[in-house]
Amino acid sequence: MKKSERLNDMIRYLNGREFFNLQDLMEKYNISKSTALRDISSLEQLGMPIYSEHGRHGRYGILQNRLLSPIIFTMDEVYALYFAMLTLEAYQSTPFHLSVNQLNEKFEHCLSDGQIEQIRKMKQVLQFEMYQHHHVSRYLDRILMSILNERPCRIQYLKNSQETSYEVQFFKISARFGQWYATGIEQSTNKFRVFRCDRITSIEDGDAKARFSIDDLLSHSIEMYQSKNSIRFEVEISERAEDLFYKEHYPSMQLETGDKSVIKGFYNPEEEEFIADYFLRFGEDVVSVEPAFLRQLIQGRVEKLLRHFQKL
C-alpha cells in the first residue's frame, strides 16, 4: 500500500476513535515503529488534531470538538464523485436539503484550476442519458424521515384533478427517468401502493402506529402486493428486446433467458390495461402472449390506437 493510500485509510480508521497507540497502527498496517511515527506526523500536517499523552502507558488522543478530518482522494476518485454528482441534475427535487449548483460550486472550490479544467473537458465528451422533469416533489425529505423512523403518514394525493386522502406507511423511495416515486402500504386496507411524489400536496404524521418494520416491508413487499386473484402471465420476446426489458420493468416480473427469452410475472385484476400498455412498447418483438385474455386486451389497445390515427 502506498503512503498516500495508507494515510487516507488511516484518517478513516482513526476518525471515530478517542485514543490510539503506535501498536494499533503497526499491527493494522504492518509497518514499523519509525514508519508509524512518521505517519502520525503526516496526519498532523494534514490537520488531524492529534495530541500525545506521556507516561508508562503513553498513547495518542484525538480532539473531539473537530470537523471531519480531511480525506485524500486520488484524481480518479475525484472524477468518479463528480460525475456521480451530475446525475442529480436530472431531478428538480432531492430528499436532501441541497442545491445541485451549490454542491457543484463547493466541490470545485476543493480542486485546483487545472483539475477543474480537466473535469470540464471530460464533461463535454462524456454524455449521460438523463430525463429532466420540472415537477417539484416538495416532501421527499419528510417521506424519507418517515421511512427511517418507521412512522405512518397522512397524505393528500392529487390525481386526475381529484384530491384523495391516504394514511400510508412508506418503505421505499425510487427514481426513474427523473421522476420520484414512493412505495408504501395503505393502513386501512394493507394494500400496496406506489405514489408519484410530485402529486403529494401535503403530508403530516399519521395517528396509528406502524404495523410493519422496514425489513418486513422490503422483504415481503411482493407477497403483500400480490392479491389472491392475481393473474400469471408469460410473454415471449425476441432476444433483441431484452435491453428494453432491462431498461424498464417492475418487481412483479422477471426475464428468463435460454433457448427463449420469456418475461414471467403476475398482475392484479385492476391492472390489466396498465400491463397491456407495458407490452405494447415491445411492438413486433413480442413472439407470444399468455393468457389469451391479456393477448386480446393488447390487440384491443392496438386497434384503438389504429382507429385514432386513421381519423387524423
C-alpha atoms as a PDB file:
ATOM      1  CA  MET A   1       0.000   0.000   0.000  1.00  0.00           C
ATOM      2  CA  LYS A   2       1.386   3.424  -0.977  1.00  0.00           C
ATOM      3  CA  LYS A   3       1.875   6.006   1.760  1.00  0.00           C
ATOM      4  CA  SER A   4      -0.872   8.289   0.382  1.00  0.00           C
ATOM      5  CA  GLU A   5      -3.326   5.361   0.334  1.00  0.00           C
ATOM      6  CA  ARG A   6      -2.279   4.305   3.832  1.00  0.00           C
ATOM      7  CA  LEU A   7      -2.748   7.829   5.225  1.00  0.00           C
ATOM      8  CA  ASN A   8      -6.144   8.115   3.571  1.00  0.00           C
ATOM      9  CA  ASP A   9      -7.250   4.837   5.130  1.00  0.00           C
ATOM     10  CA  MET A  10      -5.670   5.803   8.468  1.00  0.00           C
ATOM     11  CA  ILE A  11      -7.752   9.007   8.624  1.00  0.00           C
ATOM     12  CA  ARG A  12     -10.949   6.987   8.262  1.00  0.00           C
ATOM     13  CA  TYR A  13      -9.730   4.396  10.772  1.00  0.00           C
ATOM     14  CA  LEU A  14      -8.852   6.970  13.452  1.00  0.00           C
ATOM     15  CA  ASN A  15     -11.655   9.450  12.852  1.00  0.00           C
ATOM     16  CA  GLY A  16     -14.122   7.678  15.169  1.00  0.00           C
ATOM     17  CA  ARG A  17     -11.613   6.928  17.957  1.00  0.00           C
ATOM     18  CA  GLU A  18     -10.718   8.942  21.047  1.00  0.00           C
ATOM     19  CA  PHE A  19      -7.361   7.270  21.671  1.00  0.00           C
ATOM     20  CA  PHE A  20      -4.861   5.010  19.911  1.00  0.00           C
ATOM     21  CA  ASN A  21      -1.261   3.898  20.333  1.00  0.00           C
ATOM     22  CA  LEU A  22       1.586   3.068  17.993  1.00  0.00           C
ATOM     23  CA  GLN A  23       0.973  -0.654  18.301  1.00  0.00           C
ATOM     24  CA  ASP A  24      -2.549  -0.188  16.839  1.00  0.00           C
ATOM     25  CA  LEU A  25      -1.115   1.338  13.678  1.00  0.00           C
ATOM     26  CA  MET A  26       1.827  -1.043  13.462  1.00  0.00           C
ATOM     27  CA  GLU A  27      -0.414  -4.127  13.610  1.00  0.00           C
ATOM     28  CA  LYS A  28      -3.192  -2.837  11.358  1.00  0.00           C
ATOM     29  CA  TYR A  29      -0.903  -1.594   8.583  1.00  0.00           C
ATOM     30  CA  ASN A  30       2.056  -3.960   9.141  1.00  0.00           C
ATOM     31  CA  ILE A  31       4.518  -1.068   9.500  1.00  0.00           C
ATOM     32  CA  SER A  32       7.496  -0.396  11.755  1.00  0.00           C
ATOM     33  CA  LYS A  33       7.523   1.923  14.769  1.00  0.00           C
ATOM     34  CA  SER A  34       9.505   4.582  12.889  1.00  0.00           C
ATOM     35  CA  THR A  35       7.048   4.465   9.953  1.00  0.00           C
ATOM     36  CA  ALA A  36       4.108   4.779  12.352  1.00  0.00           C
ATOM     37  CA  LEU A  37       5.704   7.853  13.953  1.00  0.00           C
ATOM     38  CA  ARG A  38       6.267   9.454  10.527  1.00  0.00           C
ATOM     39  CA  ASP A  39       2.651   8.709   9.549  1.00  0.00           C
ATOM     40  CA  ILE A  40       1.355  10.387  12.724  1.00  0.00           C
ATOM     41  CA  SER A  41       3.449  13.446  11.888  1.00  0.00           C
ATOM     42  CA  SER A  42       1.971  13.470   8.361  1.00  0.00           C
ATOM     43  CA  LEU A  43      -1.566  13.227   9.757  1.00  0.00           C
ATOM     44  CA  GLU A  44      -0.895  16.259  11.976  1.00  0.00           C
ATOM     45  CA  GLN A  45       0.336  18.215   8.942  1.00  0.00           C
ATOM     46  CA  LEU A  46      -2.923  17.313   7.145  1.00  0.00           C
ATOM     47  CA  GLY A  47      -4.860  18.901  10.000  1.00  0.00           C
ATOM     48  CA  MET A  48      -5.854  15.957  12.166  1.00  0.00           C
ATOM     49  CA  PRO A  49      -5.914  17.263  15.811  1.00  0.00           C
ATOM     50  CA  ILE A  50      -3.696  14.618  17.469  1.00  0.00           C
ATOM     51  CA  TYR A  51      -2.081  15.081  20.878  1.00  0.00           C
ATOM     52  CA  SER A  52       0.176  12.736  22.874  1.00  0.00           C
ATOM     53  CA  GLU A  53      -0.200  11.535  26.458  1.00  0.00           C
ATOM     54  CA  HIS A  54       3.073  10.662  28.207  1.00  0.00           C
ATOM     55  CA  GLY A  55       3.595   8.065  30.878  1.00  0.00           C
ATOM     56  CA  ARG A  56       4.078   4.313  31.276  1.00  0.00           C
ATOM     57  CA  HIS A  57       1.128   3.601  29.013  1.00  0.00           C
ATOM     58  CA  GLY A  58       1.639   6.549  26.687  1.00  0.00           C
ATOM     59  CA  ARG A  59      -0.903   6.914  23.938  1.00  0.00           C
ATOM     60  CA  TYR A  60      -2.279   9.405  21.430  1.00  0.00           C
ATOM     61  CA  GLY A  61      -5.602  11.189  21.679  1.00  0.00           C
ATOM     62  CA  ILE A  62      -7.778  12.928  19.076  1.00  0.00           C
ATOM     63  CA  LEU A  63      -9.665  16.103  19.943  1.00  0.00           C
ATOM     64  CA  GLN A  64     -13.418  15.516  19.810  1.00  0.00           C
ATOM     65  CA  ASN A  65     -14.539  19.080  19.003  1.00  0.00           C
ATOM     66  CA  ARG A  66     -13.348  18.876  15.436  1.00  0.00           C
ATOM     67  CA  LEU A  67     -14.730  18.897  11.933  1.00  0.00           C
ATOM     68  CA  LEU A  68     -14.399  15.743   9.853  1.00  0.00           C
ATOM     69  CA  SER A  69     -10.711  15.404   9.107  1.00  0.00           C
ATOM     70  CA  PRO A  70      -9.664  15.905   5.502  1.00  0.00           C
ATOM     71  CA  ILE A  71      -9.703  12.799   3.339  1.00  0.00           C
ATOM     72  CA  ILE A  72      -7.326  12.466   0.426  1.00  0.00           C
ATOM     73  CA  PHE A  73      -8.836  11.400  -2.897  1.00  0.00           C
ATOM     74  CA  THR A  74      -6.987  10.280  -5.994  1.00  0.00           C
ATOM     75  CA  MET A  75      -7.916  12.101  -9.226  1.00  0.00           C
ATOM     76  CA  ASP A  76      -9.759   9.033 -10.490  1.00  0.00           C
ATOM     77  CA  GLU A  77     -11.853   9.121  -7.282  1.00  0.00           C
ATOM     78  CA  VAL A  78     -12.463  12.859  -7.751  1.00  0.00           C
ATOM     79  CA  TYR A  79     -13.699  12.265 -11.305  1.00  0.00           C
ATOM     80  CA  ALA A  80     -15.968   9.417 -10.192  1.00  0.00           C
ATOM     81  CA  LEU A  81     -17.513  11.501  -7.371  1.00  0.00           C
ATOM     82  CA  TYR A  82     -18.009  14.499  -9.656  1.00  0.00           C
ATOM     83  CA  PHE A  83     -19.813  12.588 -12.379  1.00  0.00           C
ATOM     84  CA  ALA A  84     -21.920  10.705  -9.838  1.00  0.00           C
ATOM     85  CA  MET A  85     -22.992  14.114  -8.555  1.00  0.00           C
ATOM     86  CA  LEU A  86     -24.007  15.175 -12.067  1.00  0.00           C
ATOM     87  CA  THR A  87     -26.782  12.572 -12.110  1.00  0.00           C
ATOM     88  CA  LEU A  88     -28.643  14.736  -9.557  1.00  0.00           C
ATOM     89  CA  GLU A  89     -29.085  17.365 -12.267  1.00  0.00           C
ATOM     90  CA  ALA A  90     -31.873  15.241 -13.751  1.00  0.00           C
ATOM     91  CA  TYR A  91     -34.017  15.823 -10.665  1.00  0.00           C
ATOM     92  CA  GLN A  92     -35.865  19.009  -9.843  1.00  0.00           C
ATOM     93  CA  SER A  93     -36.072  17.808  -6.218  1.00  0.00           C
ATOM     94  CA  THR A  94     -33.998  15.550  -3.966  1.00  0.00           C
ATOM     95  CA  PRO A  95     -34.577  14.111  -0.474  1.00  0.00           C
ATOM     96  CA  PHE A  96     -31.626  16.205   0.724  1.00  0.00           C
ATOM     97  CA  HIS A  97     -31.565  19.884   1.631  1.00  0.00           C
ATOM     98  CA  LEU A  98     -29.157  20.990  -1.041  1.00  0.00           C
ATOM     99  CA  SER A  99     -28.855  22.757  -4.353  1.00  0.00           C
ATOM    100  CA  VAL A 100     -27.003  20.804  -7.006  1.00  0.00           C
ATOM    101  CA  ASN A 101     -25.433  24.040  -8.299  1.00  0.00           C
ATOM    102  CA  GLN A 102     -24.235  24.988  -4.806  1.00  0.00           C
ATOM    103  CA  LEU A 103     -22.904  21.480  -4.259  1.00  0.00           C
ATOM    104  CA  ASN A 104     -21.044  21.705  -7.566  1.00  0.00           C
ATOM    105  CA  GLU A 105     -19.520  25.076  -6.630  1.00  0.00           C
ATOM    106  CA  LYS A 106     -18.471  23.793  -3.200  1.00  0.00           C
ATOM    107  CA  PHE A 107     -16.876  20.710  -4.764  1.00  0.00           C
ATOM    108  CA  GLU A 108     -14.925  22.782  -7.293  1.00  0.00           C
ATOM    109  CA  HIS A 109     -13.566  25.042  -4.528  1.00  0.00           C
ATOM    110  CA  CYS A 110     -11.653  21.977  -3.274  1.00  0.00           C
ATOM    111  CA  LEU A 111      -9.914  21.490  -6.635  1.00  0.00           C
ATOM    112  CA  SER A 112      -7.083  23.228  -8.396  1.00  0.00           C
ATOM    113  CA  ASP A 113      -7.648  25.259 -11.565  1.00  0.00           C
ATOM    114  CA  GLY A 114      -6.014  22.502 -13.594  1.00  0.00           C
ATOM    115  CA  GLN A 115      -8.273  19.828 -12.101  1.00  0.00           C
ATOM    116  CA  ILE A 116     -11.380  21.933 -12.748  1.00  0.00           C
ATOM    117  CA  GLU A 117     -10.340  22.472 -16.366  1.00  0.00           C
ATOM    118  CA  GLN A 118      -9.751  18.736 -16.813  1.00  0.00           C
ATOM    119  CA  ILE A 119     -13.186  17.909 -15.350  1.00  0.00           C
ATOM    120  CA  ARG A 120     -14.945  20.425 -17.606  1.00  0.00           C
ATOM    121  CA  LYS A 121     -13.247  18.957 -20.665  1.00  0.00           C
ATOM    122  CA  MET A 122     -14.372  15.479 -19.615  1.00  0.00           C
ATOM    123  CA  LYS A 123     -17.924  16.740 -19.100  1.00  0.00           C
ATOM    124  CA  GLN A 124     -18.010  17.858 -22.739  1.00  0.00           C
ATOM    125  CA  VAL A 125     -17.145  14.422 -24.072  1.00  0.00           C
ATOM    126  CA  LEU A 126     -18.889  12.159 -21.510  1.00  0.00           C
ATOM    127  CA  GLN A 127     -22.630  12.121 -22.127  1.00  0.00           C
ATOM    128  CA  PHE A 128     -25.221  10.885 -19.624  1.00  0.00           C
ATOM    129  CA  GLU A 129     -28.737   9.928 -20.685  1.00  0.00           C
ATOM    130  CA  MET A 130     -30.909  11.941 -18.318  1.00  0.00           C
ATOM    131  CA  TYR A 131     -34.591  12.842 -18.421  1.00  0.00           C
ATOM    132  CA  GLN A 132     -35.190  16.259 -16.894  1.00  0.00           C
ATOM    133  CA  HIS A 133     -38.532  16.636 -15.096  1.00  0.00           C
ATOM    134  CA  HIS A 134     -39.822  20.009 -13.980  1.00  0.00           C
ATOM    135  CA  HIS A 135     -42.265  18.620 -11.418  1.00  0.00           C
ATOM    136  CA  VAL A 136     -41.309  19.571  -7.869  1.00  0.00           C
ATOM    137  CA  SER A 137     -41.580  16.881  -5.185  1.00  0.00           C
ATOM    138  CA  ARG A 138     -41.811  19.033  -2.058  1.00  0.00           C
ATOM    139  CA  TYR A 139     -41.992  16.310   0.568  1.00  0.00           C
ATOM    140  CA  LEU A 140     -39.174  13.893  -0.295  1.00  0.00           C
ATOM    141  CA  ASP A 141     -37.319  14.692   2.921  1.00  0.00           C
ATOM    142  CA  ARG A 142     -40.468  14.146   5.020  1.00  0.00           C
ATOM    143  CA  ILE A 143     -41.138  10.828   3.283  1.00  0.00           C
ATOM    144  CA  LEU A 144     -37.550   9.707   3.825  1.00  0.00           C
ATOM    145  CA  MET A 145     -37.657  10.578   7.547  1.00  0.00           C
ATOM    146  CA  SER A 146     -40.976   8.741   7.973  1.00  0.00           C
ATOM    147  CA  ILE A 147     -39.372   5.624   6.474  1.00  0.00           C
ATOM    148  CA  LEU A 148     -36.283   5.822   8.673  1.00  0.00           C
ATOM    149  CA  ASN A 149     -38.444   6.363  11.774  1.00  0.00           C
ATOM    150  CA  GLU A 150     -40.956   3.661  10.693  1.00  0.00           C
ATOM    151  CA  ARG A 151     -43.775   6.172  11.103  1.00  0.00           C
ATOM    152  CA  PRO A 152     -47.031   6.210   9.059  1.00  0.00           C
ATOM    153  CA  CYS A 153     -48.079   9.410   7.269  1.00  0.00           C
ATOM    154  CA  ARG A 154     -51.351  11.002   6.293  1.00  0.00           C
ATOM    155  CA  ILE A 155     -51.071  12.470   2.800  1.00  0.00           C
ATOM    156  CA  GLN A 156     -53.221  14.333   0.294  1.00  0.00           C
ATOM    157  CA  TYR A 157     -52.714  12.972  -3.213  1.00  0.00           C
ATOM    158  CA  LEU A 158     -53.790  14.743  -6.421  1.00  0.00           C
ATOM    159  CA  LYS A 159     -54.620  12.628  -9.464  1.00  0.00           C
ATOM    160  CA  ASN A 160     -56.886  13.451 -12.417  1.00  0.00           C
ATOM    161  CA  SER A 161     -57.775  16.780 -10.750  1.00  0.00           C
ATOM    162  CA  GLN A 162     -59.138  14.900  -7.723  1.00  0.00           C
ATOM    163  CA  GLU A 163     -57.539  15.004  -4.278  1.00  0.00           C
ATOM    164  CA  THR A 164     -57.680  11.904  -2.074  1.00  0.00           C
ATOM    165  CA  SER A 165     -56.508  11.324   1.491  1.00  0.00           C
ATOM    166  CA  TYR A 166     -54.416   8.256   2.362  1.00  0.00           C
ATOM    167  CA  GLU A 167     -52.826   7.009   5.554  1.00  0.00           C
ATOM    168  CA  VAL A 168     -49.779   5.078   4.428  1.00  0.00           C
ATOM    169  CA  GLN A 169     -46.547   3.635   5.770  1.00  0.00           C
ATOM    170  CA  PHE A 170     -43.855   4.306   3.191  1.00  0.00           C
ATOM    171  CA  PHE A 171     -40.886   1.960   2.924  1.00  0.00           C
ATOM    172  CA  LYS A 172     -39.127   2.822  -0.331  1.00  0.00           C
ATOM    173  CA  ILE A 173     -38.296   5.868  -2.466  1.00  0.00           C
ATOM    174  CA  SER A 174     -37.248   5.244  -6.044  1.00  0.00           C
ATOM    175  CA  ALA A 175     -36.309   7.384  -9.026  1.00  0.00           C
ATOM    176  CA  ARG A 176     -36.897   6.619 -12.673  1.00  0.00           C
ATOM    177  CA  PHE A 177     -36.259   8.883 -15.658  1.00  0.00           C
ATOM    178  CA  GLY A 178     -36.022  11.986 -13.473  1.00  0.00           C
ATOM    179  CA  GLN A 179     -39.261  11.261 -11.580  1.00  0.00           C
ATOM    180  CA  TRP A 180     -39.553  10.291  -7.888  1.00  0.00           C
ATOM    181  CA  TYR A 181     -41.888   7.572  -6.583  1.00  0.00           C
ATOM    182  CA  ALA A 182     -42.697   6.488  -3.015  1.00  0.00           C
ATOM    183  CA  THR A 183     -43.906   2.960  -2.244  1.00  0.00           C
ATOM    184  CA  GLY A 184     -45.945   2.125   0.823  1.00  0.00           C
ATOM    185  CA  ILE A 185     -48.726   0.138   2.460  1.00  0.00           C
ATOM    186  CA  GLU A 186     -52.114   1.808   2.895  1.00  0.00           C
ATOM    187  CA  GLN A 187     -53.016   1.486   6.561  1.00  0.00           C
ATOM    188  CA  SER A 188     -56.775   0.898   6.192  1.00  0.00           C
ATOM    189  CA  THR A 189     -56.582  -1.817   3.522  1.00  0.00           C
ATOM    190  CA  ASN A 190     -52.997  -3.199   3.778  1.00  0.00           C
ATOM    191  CA  LYS A 191     -52.853  -2.526   0.054  1.00  0.00           C
ATOM    192  CA  PHE A 192     -49.534  -1.958  -1.662  1.00  0.00           C
ATOM    193  CA  ARG A 193     -49.419   1.436  -3.459  1.00  0.00           C
ATOM    194  CA  VAL A 194     -46.932   3.483  -5.467  1.00  0.00           C
ATOM    195  CA  PHE A 195     -47.323   7.278  -5.326  1.00  0.00           C
ATOM    196  CA  ARG A 196     -45.799   9.830  -7.669  1.00  0.00           C
ATOM    197  CA  CYS A 197     -44.121  12.176  -5.232  1.00  0.00           C
ATOM    198  CA  ASP A 198     -44.850  15.416  -7.090  1.00  0.00           C
ATOM    199  CA  ARG A 199     -48.587  14.671  -6.749  1.00  0.00           C
ATOM    200  CA  ILE A 200     -48.421  14.617  -2.936  1.00  0.00           C
ATOM    201  CA  THR A 201     -49.846  18.009  -1.932  1.00  0.00           C
ATOM    202  CA  SER A 202     -49.478  17.691   1.847  1.00  0.00           C
ATOM    203  CA  ILE A 203     -48.080  15.308   4.435  1.00  0.00           C
ATOM    204  CA  GLU A 204     -48.311  15.006   8.215  1.00  0.00           C
ATOM    205  CA  ASP A 205     -47.689  12.378  10.857  1.00  0.00           C
ATOM    206  CA  GLY A 206     -50.334   9.650  10.998  1.00  0.00           C
ATOM    207  CA  ASP A 207     -52.316   8.748  14.104  1.00  0.00           C
ATOM    208  CA  ALA A 208     -51.809   4.975  14.001  1.00  0.00           C
ATOM    209  CA  LYS A 209     -48.646   3.115  14.925  1.00  0.00           C
ATOM    210  CA  ALA A 210     -46.589   1.387  12.265  1.00  0.00           C
ATOM    211  CA  ARG A 211     -47.720  -2.191  11.691  1.00  0.00           C
ATOM    212  CA  PHE A 212     -44.561  -3.365   9.970  1.00  0.00           C
ATOM    213  CA  SER A 213     -40.820  -2.873  10.214  1.00  0.00           C
ATOM    214  CA  ILE A 214     -38.890  -1.629   7.194  1.00  0.00           C
ATOM    215  CA  ASP A 215     -37.198  -5.031   6.882  1.00  0.00           C
ATOM    216  CA  ASP A 216     -40.572  -6.808   6.801  1.00  0.00           C
ATOM    217  CA  LEU A 217     -41.934  -4.467   4.159  1.00  0.00           C
ATOM    218  CA  LEU A 218     -38.853  -4.680   1.965  1.00  0.00           C
ATOM    219  CA  SER A 219     -38.584  -8.466   2.164  1.00  0.00           C
ATOM    220  CA  HIS A 220     -42.314  -9.201   1.747  1.00  0.00           C
ATOM    221  CA  SER A 221     -43.494  -6.321  -0.433  1.00  0.00           C
ATOM    222  CA  ILE A 222     -44.163  -8.540  -3.467  1.00  0.00           C
ATOM    223  CA  GLU A 223     -46.213 -11.007  -1.410  1.00  0.00           C
ATOM    224  CA  MET A 224     -48.184  -8.099   0.108  1.00  0.00           C
ATOM    225  CA  TYR A 225     -48.721  -6.562  -3.315  1.00  0.00           C
ATOM    226  CA  GLN A 226     -49.938  -9.775  -4.965  1.00  0.00           C
ATOM    227  CA  SER A 227     -53.678 -10.254  -4.422  1.00  0.00           C
ATOM    228  CA  LYS A 228     -55.388 -13.656  -4.150  1.00  0.00           C
ATOM    229  CA  ASN A 229     -56.927 -13.112  -7.599  1.00  0.00           C
ATOM    230  CA  SER A 230     -53.678 -12.155  -9.332  1.00  0.00           C
ATOM    231  CA  ILE A 231     -53.158 -13.422 -12.890  1.00  0.00           C
ATOM    232  CA  ARG A 232     -49.937 -15.049 -14.047  1.00  0.00           C
ATOM    233  CA  PHE A 233     -48.550 -14.206 -17.477  1.00  0.00           C
ATOM    234  CA  GLU A 234     -45.790 -15.369 -19.798  1.00  0.00           C
ATOM    235  CA  VAL A 235     -44.738 -13.181 -22.704  1.00  0.00           C
ATOM    236  CA  GLU A 236     -42.027 -14.378 -25.062  1.00  0.00           C
ATOM    237  CA  ILE A 237     -39.952 -11.629 -26.663  1.00  0.00           C
ATOM    238  CA  SER A 238     -37.149 -11.591 -29.211  1.00  0.00           C
ATOM    239  CA  GLU A 239     -33.581 -11.566 -27.966  1.00  0.00           C
ATOM    240  CA  ARG A 240     -33.006  -8.017 -29.212  1.00  0.00           C
ATOM    241  CA  ALA A 241     -35.851  -6.800 -26.957  1.00  0.00           C
ATOM    242  CA  GLU A 242     -34.087  -7.908 -23.764  1.00  0.00           C
ATOM    243  CA  ASP A 243     -32.457  -4.481 -23.430  1.00  0.00           C
ATOM    244  CA  LEU A 244     -35.904  -2.865 -23.409  1.00  0.00           C
ATOM    245  CA  PHE A 245     -36.926  -5.105 -20.500  1.00  0.00           C
ATOM    246  CA  TYR A 246     -33.790  -4.250 -18.529  1.00  0.00           C
ATOM    247  CA  LYS A 247     -34.339  -0.545 -19.209  1.00  0.00           C
ATOM    248  CA  GLU A 248     -37.785  -0.623 -17.610  1.00  0.00           C
ATOM    249  CA  HIS A 249     -39.577  -3.394 -15.776  1.00  0.00           C
ATOM    250  CA  TYR A 250     -41.353  -3.949 -12.469  1.00  0.00           C
ATOM    251  CA  PRO A 251     -40.726  -6.095  -9.364  1.00  0.00           C
ATOM    252  CA  SER A 252     -43.662  -8.342 -10.258  1.00  0.00           C
ATOM    253  CA  MET A 253     -41.914  -9.590 -13.420  1.00  0.00           C
ATOM    254  CA  GLN A 254     -38.649 -11.287 -14.335  1.00  0.00           C
ATOM    255  CA  LEU A 255     -36.901 -12.282 -17.548  1.00  0.00           C
ATOM    256  CA  GLU A 256     -35.845 -15.877 -18.145  1.00  0.00           C
ATOM    257  CA  THR A 257     -33.347 -16.428 -20.940  1.00  0.00           C
ATOM    258  CA  GLY A 258     -32.042 -19.531 -22.656  1.00  0.00           C
ATOM    259  CA  ASP A 259     -33.495 -21.067 -25.801  1.00  0.00           C
ATOM    260  CA  LYS A 260     -36.206 -18.417 -25.474  1.00  0.00           C
ATOM    261  CA  SER A 261     -36.497 -15.005 -23.810  1.00  0.00           C
ATOM    262  CA  VAL A 262     -39.645 -15.056 -21.675  1.00  0.00           C
ATOM    263  CA  ILE A 263     -40.983 -12.388 -19.316  1.00  0.00           C
ATOM    264  CA  LYS A 264     -42.855 -14.097 -16.475  1.00  0.00           C
ATOM    265  CA  GLY A 265     -44.829 -12.478 -13.692  1.00  0.00           C
ATOM    266  CA  PHE A 266     -48.258 -11.531 -12.430  1.00  0.00           C
ATOM    267  CA  TYR A 267     -50.677  -8.613 -12.352  1.00  0.00           C
ATOM    268  CA  ASN A 268     -53.661  -7.876 -10.155  1.00  0.00           C
ATOM    269  CA  PRO A 269     -57.186  -7.720 -11.682  1.00  0.00           C
ATOM    270  CA  GLU A 270     -57.374  -3.900 -11.741  1.00  0.00           C
ATOM    271  CA  GLU A 271     -54.054  -3.620 -13.619  1.00  0.00           C
ATOM    272  CA  GLU A 272     -54.991  -5.230 -16.950  1.00  0.00           C
ATOM    273  CA  GLU A 273     -54.804  -2.042 -19.016  1.00  0.00           C
ATOM    274  CA  PHE A 274     -51.544  -0.964 -17.412  1.00  0.00           C
ATOM    275  CA  ILE A 275     -49.846  -4.291 -18.161  1.00  0.00           C
ATOM    276  CA  ALA A 276     -51.246  -4.316 -21.715  1.00  0.00           C
ATOM    277  CA  ASP A 277     -49.826  -0.846 -22.356  1.00  0.00           C
ATOM    278  CA  TYR A 278     -46.476  -2.009 -20.983  1.00  0.00           C
ATOM    279  CA  PHE A 279     -46.199  -4.845 -23.529  1.00  0.00           C
ATOM    280  CA  LEU A 280     -47.302  -2.573 -26.370  1.00  0.00           C
ATOM    281  CA  ARG A 281     -43.865  -0.963 -26.067  1.00  0.00           C
ATOM    282  CA  PHE A 282     -42.246  -4.165 -27.322  1.00  0.00           C
ATOM    283  CA  GLY A 283     -44.104  -3.925 -30.643  1.00  0.00           C
ATOM    284  CA  GLU A 284     -43.159  -6.613 -33.181  1.00  0.00           C
ATOM    285  CA  ASP A 285     -40.613  -8.075 -30.754  1.00  0.00           C
ATOM    286  CA  VAL A 286     -43.459  -9.855 -28.912  1.00  0.00           C
ATOM    287  CA  VAL A 287     -43.474 -13.511 -30.011  1.00  0.00           C
ATOM    288  CA  SER A 288     -46.319 -14.943 -27.910  1.00  0.00           C
ATOM    289  CA  VAL A 289     -48.607 -13.906 -25.026  1.00  0.00           C
ATOM    290  CA  GLU A 290     -50.305 -15.990 -22.368  1.00  0.00           C
ATOM    291  CA  PRO A 291     -53.011 -15.911 -21.060  1.00  0.00           C
ATOM    292  CA  ALA A 292     -55.292 -15.381 -24.060  1.00  0.00           C
ATOM    293  CA  PHE A 293     -57.206 -12.618 -22.246  1.00  0.00           C
ATOM    294  CA  LEU A 294     -54.056 -10.489 -21.994  1.00  0.00           C
ATOM    295  CA  ARG A 295     -53.307 -11.104 -25.692  1.00  0.00           C
ATOM    296  CA  GLN A 296     -56.832  -9.976 -26.617  1.00  0.00           C
ATOM    297  CA  LEU A 297     -56.517  -6.908 -24.433  1.00  0.00           C
ATOM    298  CA  ILE A 298     -53.249  -5.918 -26.135  1.00  0.00           C
ATOM    299  CA  GLN A 299     -54.893  -6.427 -29.549  1.00  0.00           C
ATOM    300  CA  GLY A 300     -57.757  -4.175 -28.451  1.00  0.00           C
ATOM    301  CA  ARG A 301     -55.319  -1.441 -27.434  1.00  0.00           C
ATOM    302  CA  VAL A 302     -53.581  -1.718 -30.833  1.00  0.00           C
ATOM    303  CA  GLU A 303     -56.895  -1.498 -32.714  1.00  0.00           C
ATOM    304  CA  LYS A 304     -57.953   1.530 -30.680  1.00  0.00           C
ATOM    305  CA  LEU A 305     -54.645   3.240 -31.477  1.00  0.00           C
ATOM    306  CA  LEU A 306     -55.049   2.390 -35.182  1.00  0.00           C
ATOM    307  CA  ARG A 307     -58.565   3.901 -35.268  1.00  0.00           C
ATOM    308  CA  HIS A 308     -57.225   7.049 -33.654  1.00  0.00           C
ATOM    309  CA  PHE A 309     -54.539   7.522 -36.340  1.00  0.00           C
ATOM    310  CA  GLN A 310     -56.978   6.687 -39.137  1.00  0.00           C
ATOM    311  CA  LYS A 311     -59.103   9.641 -38.044  1.00  0.00           C
ATOM    312  CA  LEU A 312     -56.203  12.097 -38.214  1.00  0.00           C
END
